[in-house]
């Protein structure tokens, strides 16, 4: 499966977006089983967030294309 993450989702800087697009080390395919594992892990992380007892810094964006702000608030 091809990743839906595009350079324009990661930066507003055209130069950085072009560098991202041209980077031969960025592999744009992702296996479905990896996506499913990521989903399962993130669900488990949200459920177990109360077990974290060390200071944790969360950086959240209002219009993140990858992580929903509501999920970040739930984790917090």
PDB file of N, CA and C in Angstrom:
ATOM      1  N   UNK A   1       0.840  -1.154   0.000  1.00  0.00           N
ATOM      2  CA  UNK A   1       0.000   0.000   0.000  1.00  0.00           C
ATOM      3  C   UNK A   1       0.900   1.236   0.000  1.00  0.00           C
ATOM      4  N   UNK A   2       0.518   2.245  -0.739  1.00  0.00           N
ATOM      5  CA  UNK A   2       1.305   3.469  -0.819  1.00  0.00           C
ATOM      6  C   UNK A   2       0.923   4.400   0.335  1.00  0.00           C
ATOM      7  N   UNK A   3       1.924   4.969   0.982  1.00  0.00           N
ATOM      8  CA  UNK A   3       1.697   5.891   2.086  1.00  0.00           C
ATOM      9  C   UNK A   3       0.982   7.143   1.591  1.00  0.00           C
ATOM     10  N   UNK A   4       0.041   7.628   2.394  1.00  0.00           N
ATOM     11  CA  UNK A   4      -0.684   8.837   2.025  1.00  0.00           C
ATOM     12  C   UNK A   4       0.017  10.104   2.507  1.00  0.00           C
ATOM     13  N   UNK A   5       1.119   9.970   3.224  1.00  0.00           N
ATOM     14  CA  UNK A   5       1.840  11.140   3.736  1.00  0.00           C
ATOM     15  C   UNK A   5       2.571  11.810   2.576  1.00  0.00           C
ATOM     16  N   UNK A   6       2.228  13.039   2.324  1.00  0.00           N
ATOM     17  CA  UNK A   6       2.828  13.834   1.245  1.00  0.00           C
ATOM     18  C   UNK A   6       3.683  14.938   1.852  1.00  0.00           C
ATOM     19  N   UNK A   7       4.623  15.411   1.085  1.00  0.00           N
ATOM     20  CA  UNK A   7       5.522  16.467   1.561  1.00  0.00           C
ATOM     21  C   UNK A   7       4.747  17.707   2.004  1.00  0.00           C
ATOM     22  N   UNK A   8       3.678  18.036   1.301  1.00  0.00           N
ATOM     23  CA  UNK A   8       2.910  19.236   1.657  1.00  0.00           C
ATOM     24  C   UNK A   8       2.201  19.087   3.008  1.00  0.00           C
ATOM     25  N   UNK A   9       2.061  17.836   3.476  1.00  0.00           N
ATOM     26  CA  UNK A   9       1.464  17.595   4.791  1.00  0.00           C
ATOM     27  C   UNK A   9       2.474  17.789   5.908  1.00  0.00           C
ATOM     28  N   UNK A  10       3.740  17.733   5.572  1.00  0.00           N
ATOM     29  CA  UNK A  10       4.798  17.779   6.574  1.00  0.00           C
ATOM     30  C   UNK A  10       5.405  19.166   6.758  1.00  0.00           C
ATOM     31  N   UNK A  11       5.345  19.996   5.718  1.00  0.00           N
ATOM     32  CA  UNK A  11       5.995  21.304   5.794  1.00  0.00           C
ATOM     33  C   UNK A  11       5.333  22.290   4.836  1.00  0.00           C
ATOM     34  N   UNK A  12       5.438  23.560   5.192  1.00  0.00           N
ATOM     35  CA  UNK A  12       4.984  24.627   4.295  1.00  0.00           C
ATOM     36  C   UNK A  12       6.156  25.192   3.489  1.00  0.00           C
ATOM     37  N   UNK A  13       7.348  24.725   3.797  1.00  0.00           N
ATOM     38  CA  UNK A  13       8.563  25.209   3.141  1.00  0.00           C
ATOM     39  C   UNK A  13       8.752  24.445   1.820  1.00  0.00           C
ATOM     40  N   UNK A  14       8.618  25.132   0.676  1.00  0.00           N
ATOM     41  CA  UNK A  14       8.743  24.444  -0.621  1.00  0.00           C
ATOM     42  C   UNK A  14      10.086  23.761  -0.822  1.00  0.00           C
ATOM     43  N   UNK A  15      11.139  24.352  -0.307  1.00  0.00           N
ATOM     44  CA  UNK A  15      12.472  23.754  -0.456  1.00  0.00           C
ATOM     45  C   UNK A  15      12.554  22.432   0.305  1.00  0.00           C
ATOM     46  N   UNK A  16      12.042  22.416   1.536  1.00  0.00           N
ATOM     47  CA  UNK A  16      12.061  21.180   2.322  1.00  0.00           C
ATOM     48  C   UNK A  16      11.156  20.118   1.705  1.00  0.00           C
ATOM     49  N   UNK A  17      10.019  20.535   1.161  1.00  0.00           N
ATOM     50  CA  UNK A  17       9.109  19.600   0.498  1.00  0.00           C
ATOM     51  C   UNK A  17       9.788  18.958  -0.711  1.00  0.00           C
ATOM     52  N   UNK A  18      10.511  19.750  -1.478  1.00  0.00           N
ATOM     53  CA  UNK A  18      11.228  19.228  -2.641  1.00  0.00           C
ATOM     54  C   UNK A  18      12.324  18.254  -2.210  1.00  0.00           C
ATOM     55  N   UNK A  19      13.026  18.569  -1.135  1.00  0.00           N
ATOM     56  CA  UNK A  19      14.050  17.660  -0.621  1.00  0.00           C
ATOM     57  C   UNK A  19      13.427  16.339  -0.176  1.00  0.00           C
ATOM     58  N   UNK A  20      12.280  16.410   0.484  1.00  0.00           N
ATOM     59  CA  UNK A  20      11.578  15.202   0.907  1.00  0.00           C
ATOM     60  C   UNK A  20      11.192  14.352  -0.305  1.00  0.00           C
ATOM     61  N   UNK A  21      10.630  14.998  -1.313  1.00  0.00           N
ATOM     62  CA  UNK A  21      10.197  14.286  -2.515  1.00  0.00           C
ATOM     63  C   UNK A  21      11.361  13.624  -3.244  1.00  0.00           C
ATOM     64  N   UNK A  22      12.521  14.262  -3.205  1.00  0.00           N
ATOM     65  CA  UNK A  22      13.685  13.761  -3.935  1.00  0.00           C
ATOM     66  C   UNK A  22      14.529  12.762  -3.138  1.00  0.00           C
ATOM     67  N   UNK A  23      14.239  12.586  -1.861  1.00  0.00           N
ATOM     68  CA  UNK A  23      15.063  11.730  -1.005  1.00  0.00           C
ATOM     69  C   UNK A  23      14.875  10.255  -1.389  1.00  0.00           C
ATOM     70  N   UNK A  24      15.925   9.615  -1.879  1.00  0.00           N
ATOM     71  CA  UNK A  24      15.809   8.222  -2.302  1.00  0.00           C
ATOM     72  C   UNK A  24      15.697   7.246  -1.126  1.00  0.00           C
ATOM     73  N   UNK A  25      15.969   7.707   0.081  1.00  0.00           N
ATOM     74  CA  UNK A  25      15.912   6.831   1.257  1.00  0.00           C
ATOM     75  C   UNK A  25      14.507   6.756   1.868  1.00  0.00           C
ATOM     76  N   UNK A  26      13.599   7.600   1.412  1.00  0.00           N
ATOM     77  CA  UNK A  26      12.226   7.565   1.910  1.00  0.00           C
ATOM     78  C   UNK A  26      11.448   6.584   1.046  1.00  0.00           C
ATOM     79  N   UNK A  27      11.016   5.500   1.672  1.00  0.00           N
ATOM     80  CA  UNK A  27      10.273   4.453   0.977  1.00  0.00           C
ATOM     81  C   UNK A  27       8.790   4.738   1.148  1.00  0.00           C
ATOM     82  N   UNK A  28       8.077   4.894   0.080  1.00  0.00           N
ATOM     83  CA  UNK A  28       6.684   5.339   0.140  1.00  0.00           C
ATOM     84  C   UNK A  28       5.660   4.210   0.220  1.00  0.00           C
ATOM     85  N   UNK A  29       6.130   2.978   0.197  1.00  0.00           N
ATOM     86  CA  UNK A  29       5.221   1.844   0.341  1.00  0.00           C
ATOM     87  C   UNK A  29       5.200   1.405   1.803  1.00  0.00           C
ATOM     88  N   UNK A  30       4.021   0.963   2.268  1.00  0.00           N
ATOM     89  CA  UNK A  30       3.915   0.432   3.622  1.00  0.00           C
ATOM     90  C   UNK A  30       2.991  -0.780   3.574  1.00  0.00           C
ATOM     91  N   UNK A  31       3.404  -1.829   4.246  1.00  0.00           N
ATOM     92  CA  UNK A  31       2.629  -3.062   4.253  1.00  0.00           C
ATOM     93  C   UNK A  31       1.369  -2.891   5.102  1.00  0.00           C
ATOM     94  N   UNK A  32       0.297  -3.510   4.676  1.00  0.00           N
ATOM     95  CA  UNK A  32      -0.968  -3.409   5.398  1.00  0.00           C
ATOM     96  C   UNK A  32      -0.832  -3.948   6.814  1.00  0.00           C
ATOM     97  N   UNK A  33      -0.082  -5.023   7.000  1.00  0.00           N
ATOM     98  CA  UNK A  33       0.073  -5.573   8.353  1.00  0.00           C
ATOM     99  C   UNK A  33       0.786  -4.582   9.273  1.00  0.00           C
ATOM    100  N   UNK A  34       1.684  -3.766   8.739  1.00  0.00           N
ATOM    101  CA  UNK A  34       2.348  -2.739   9.549  1.00  0.00           C
ATOM    102  C   UNK A  34       1.334  -1.673   9.956  1.00  0.00           C
ATOM    103  N   UNK A  35       0.496  -1.250   9.027  1.00  0.00           N
ATOM    104  CA  UNK A  35      -0.543  -0.267   9.352  1.00  0.00           C
ATOM    105  C   UNK A  35      -1.485  -0.799  10.427  1.00  0.00           C
ATOM    106  N   UNK A  36      -1.874  -2.068  10.301  1.00  0.00           N
ATOM    107  CA  UNK A  36      -2.767  -2.662  11.301  1.00  0.00           C
ATOM    108  C   UNK A  36      -2.087  -2.752  12.658  1.00  0.00           C
ATOM    109  N   UNK A  37      -0.803  -3.117  12.675  1.00  0.00           N
ATOM    110  CA  UNK A  37      -0.051  -3.161  13.936  1.00  0.00           C
ATOM    111  C   UNK A  37       0.063  -1.776  14.557  1.00  0.00           C
ATOM    112  N   UNK A  38       0.294  -0.754  13.746  1.00  0.00           N
ATOM    113  CA  UNK A  38       0.361   0.614  14.259  1.00  0.00           C
ATOM    114  C   UNK A  38      -0.972   1.026  14.890  1.00  0.00           C
ATOM    115  N   UNK A  39      -2.048   0.670  14.236  1.00  0.00           N
ATOM    116  CA  UNK A  39      -3.374   0.990  14.775  1.00  0.00           C
ATOM    117  C   UNK A  39      -3.605   0.278  16.111  1.00  0.00           C
ATOM    118  N   UNK A  40      -3.298  -1.014  16.160  1.00  0.00           N
ATOM    119  CA  UNK A  40      -3.479  -1.778  17.397  1.00  0.00           C
ATOM    120  C   UNK A  40      -2.620  -1.236  18.529  1.00  0.00           C
ATOM    121  N   UNK A  41      -1.378  -0.889  18.211  1.00  0.00           N
ATOM    122  CA  UNK A  41      -0.466  -0.350  19.223  1.00  0.00           C
ATOM    123  C   UNK A  41      -0.943   1.001  19.734  1.00  0.00           C
ATOM    124  N   UNK A  42      -1.404   1.859  18.833  1.00  0.00           N
ATOM    125  CA  UNK A  42      -1.870   3.177  19.270  1.00  0.00           C
ATOM    126  C   UNK A  42      -3.133   3.059  20.118  1.00  0.00           C
ATOM    127  N   UNK A  43      -4.001   2.116  19.797  1.00  0.00           N
ATOM    128  CA  UNK A  43      -5.197   1.882  20.601  1.00  0.00           C
ATOM    129  C   UNK A  43      -4.810   1.417  22.000  1.00  0.00           C
ATOM    130  N   UNK A  44      -3.858   0.492  22.075  1.00  0.00           N
ATOM    131  CA  UNK A  44      -3.381  -0.001  23.373  1.00  0.00           C
ATOM    132  C   UNK A  44      -2.691   1.108  24.166  1.00  0.00           C
ATOM    133  N   UNK A  45      -1.932   1.962  23.484  1.00  0.00           N
ATOM    134  CA  UNK A  45      -1.249   3.069  24.142  1.00  0.00           C
ATOM    135  C   UNK A  45      -2.255   4.038  24.760  1.00  0.00           C
ATOM    136  N   UNK A  46      -3.315   4.348  24.042  1.00  0.00           N
ATOM    137  CA  UNK A  46      -4.350   5.229  24.586  1.00  0.00           C
ATOM    138  C   UNK A  46      -4.996   4.607  25.817  1.00  0.00           C
ATOM    139  N   UNK A  47      -5.250   3.319  25.762  1.00  0.00           N
ATOM    140  CA  UNK A  47      -5.898   2.636  26.887  1.00  0.00           C
ATOM    141  C   UNK A  47      -4.990   2.578  28.116  1.00  0.00           C
ATOM    142  N   UNK A  48      -3.673   2.511  27.910  1.00  0.00           N
ATOM    143  CA  UNK A  48      -2.726   2.372  29.017  1.00  0.00           C
ATOM    144  C   UNK A  48      -2.002   3.664  29.382  1.00  0.00           C
ATOM    145  N   UNK A  49      -2.434   4.785  28.858  1.00  0.00           N
ATOM    146  CA  UNK A  49      -1.723   6.052  29.071  1.00  0.00           C
ATOM    147  C   UNK A  49      -1.588   6.395  30.556  1.00  0.00           C
ATOM    148  N   UNK A  50      -2.548   5.999  31.366  1.00  0.00           N
ATOM    149  CA  UNK A  50      -2.492   6.298  32.798  1.00  0.00           C
ATOM    150  C   UNK A  50      -1.335   5.631  33.510  1.00  0.00           C
ATOM    151  N   UNK A  51      -0.730   4.627  32.904  1.00  0.00           N
ATOM    152  CA  UNK A  51       0.401   3.922  33.518  1.00  0.00           C
ATOM    153  C   UNK A  51       1.703   4.702  33.398  1.00  0.00           C
ATOM    154  N   UNK A  52       1.730   5.721  32.556  1.00  0.00           N
ATOM    155  CA  UNK A  52       2.949   6.521  32.381  1.00  0.00           C
ATOM    156  C   UNK A  52       3.082   7.448  33.584  1.00  0.00           C
ATOM    157  N   UNK A  53       4.194   7.335  34.283  1.00  0.00           N
ATOM    158  CA  UNK A  53       4.377   8.120  35.513  1.00  0.00           C
ATOM    159  C   UNK A  53       5.589   9.047  35.447  1.00  0.00           C
ATOM    160  N   UNK A  54       6.148   9.227  34.287  1.00  0.00           N
ATOM    161  CA  UNK A  54       7.290  10.126  34.130  1.00  0.00           C
ATOM    162  C   UNK A  54       6.824  11.373  33.382  1.00  0.00           C
ATOM    163  N   UNK A  55       7.503  12.497  33.565  1.00  0.00           N
ATOM    164  CA  UNK A  55       7.119  13.688  32.801  1.00  0.00           C
ATOM    165  C   UNK A  55       7.177  13.401  31.302  1.00  0.00           C
ATOM    166  N   UNK A  56       6.150  13.825  30.607  1.00  0.00           N
ATOM    167  CA  UNK A  56       6.033  13.550  29.176  1.00  0.00           C
ATOM    168  C   UNK A  56       5.638  14.822  28.447  1.00  0.00           C
ATOM    169  N   UNK A  57       6.363  15.172  27.416  1.00  0.00           N
ATOM    170  CA  UNK A  57       6.057  16.356  26.617  1.00  0.00           C
ATOM    171  C   UNK A  57       5.243  15.932  25.404  1.00  0.00           C
ATOM    172  N   UNK A  58       4.095  16.555  25.226  1.00  0.00           N
ATOM    173  CA  UNK A  58       3.263  16.308  24.057  1.00  0.00           C
ATOM    174  C   UNK A  58       3.243  17.562  23.208  1.00  0.00           C
ATOM    175  N   UNK A  59       3.520  17.407  21.934  1.00  0.00           N
ATOM    176  CA  UNK A  59       3.403  18.501  20.978  1.00  0.00           C
ATOM    177  C   UNK A  59       2.260  18.149  20.047  1.00  0.00           C
ATOM    178  N   UNK A  60       1.260  18.998  19.999  1.00  0.00           N
ATOM    179  CA  UNK A  60       0.075  18.701  19.203  1.00  0.00           C
ATOM    180  C   UNK A  60      -0.209  19.841  18.236  1.00  0.00           C
ATOM    181  N   UNK A  61      -0.660  19.469  17.047  1.00  0.00           N
ATOM    182  CA  UNK A  61      -1.016  20.453  16.035  1.00  0.00           C
ATOM    183  C   UNK A  61      -2.530  20.458  15.873  1.00  0.00           C
ATOM    184  N   UNK A  62      -3.069  21.605  15.606  1.00  0.00           N
ATOM    185  CA  UNK A  62      -4.507  21.716  15.422  1.00  0.00           C
ATOM    186  C   UNK A  62      -5.005  21.041  14.165  1.00  0.00           C
ATOM    187  N   UNK A  63      -4.171  20.969  13.139  1.00  0.00           N
ATOM    188  CA  UNK A  63      -4.603  20.350  11.882  1.00  0.00           C
ATOM    189  C   UNK A  63      -3.573  19.333  11.409  1.00  0.00           C
ATOM    190  N   UNK A  64      -3.293  18.362  12.257  1.00  0.00           N
ATOM    191  CA  UNK A  64      -2.338  17.303  11.936  1.00  0.00           C
ATOM    192  C   UNK A  64      -3.013  16.291  11.021  1.00  0.00           C
ATOM    193  N   UNK A  65      -2.328  15.913   9.944  1.00  0.00           N
ATOM    194  CA  UNK A  65      -2.886  14.965   8.979  1.00  0.00           C
ATOM    195  C   UNK A  65      -2.670  13.521   9.415  1.00  0.00           C
ATOM    196  N   UNK A  66      -1.810  13.312  10.401  1.00  0.00           N
ATOM    197  CA  UNK A  66      -1.456  11.950  10.791  1.00  0.00           C
ATOM    198  C   UNK A  66      -2.133  11.535  12.101  1.00  0.00           C
ATOM    199  N   UNK A  67      -2.104  12.426  13.101  1.00  0.00           N
ATOM    200  CA  UNK A  67      -2.660  12.117  14.415  1.00  0.00           C
ATOM    201  C   UNK A  67      -3.791  13.092  14.729  1.00  0.00           C
ATOM    202  N   UNK A  68      -4.919  12.565  15.114  1.00  0.00           N
ATOM    203  CA  UNK A  68      -6.058  13.412  15.462  1.00  0.00           C
ATOM    204  C   UNK A  68      -5.814  14.104  16.798  1.00  0.00           C
ATOM    205  N   UNK A  69      -6.135  15.374  16.862  1.00  0.00           N
ATOM    206  CA  UNK A  69      -5.964  16.140  18.093  1.00  0.00           C
ATOM    207  C   UNK A  69      -6.794  15.523  19.214  1.00  0.00           C
ATOM    208  N   UNK A  70      -7.960  15.011  18.912  1.00  0.00           N
ATOM    209  CA  UNK A  70      -8.807  14.390  19.938  1.00  0.00           C
ATOM    210  C   UNK A  70      -8.100  13.186  20.572  1.00  0.00           C
ATOM    211  N   UNK A  71      -7.346  12.429  19.778  1.00  0.00           N
ATOM    212  CA  UNK A  71      -6.591  11.289  20.317  1.00  0.00           C
ATOM    213  C   UNK A  71      -5.466  11.766  21.212  1.00  0.00           C
ATOM    214  N   UNK A  72      -4.809  12.856  20.826  1.00  0.00           N
ATOM    215  CA  UNK A  72      -3.731  13.393  21.641  1.00  0.00           C
ATOM    216  C   UNK A  72      -4.273  13.905  22.969  1.00  0.00           C
ATOM    217  N   UNK A  73      -5.423  14.535  22.938  1.00  0.00           N
ATOM    218  CA  UNK A  73      -6.043  15.029  24.186  1.00  0.00           C
ATOM    219  C   UNK A  73      -6.479  13.874  25.060  1.00  0.00           C
ATOM    220  N   UNK A  74      -7.010  12.826  24.457  1.00  0.00           N
ATOM    221  CA  UNK A  74      -7.400  11.631  25.221  1.00  0.00           C
ATOM    222  C   UNK A  74      -6.172  11.016  25.879  1.00  0.00           C
ATOM    223  N   UNK A  75      -5.067  10.935  25.144  1.00  0.00           N
ATOM    224  CA  UNK A  75      -3.825  10.386  25.704  1.00  0.00           C
ATOM    225  C   UNK A  75      -3.372  11.219  26.893  1.00  0.00           C
ATOM    226  N   UNK A  76      -3.423  12.554  26.758  1.00  0.00           N
ATOM    227  CA  UNK A  76      -3.015  13.446  27.838  1.00  0.00           C
ATOM    228  C   UNK A  76      -3.883  13.241  29.063  1.00  0.00           C
TER     229      UNK A  76
END
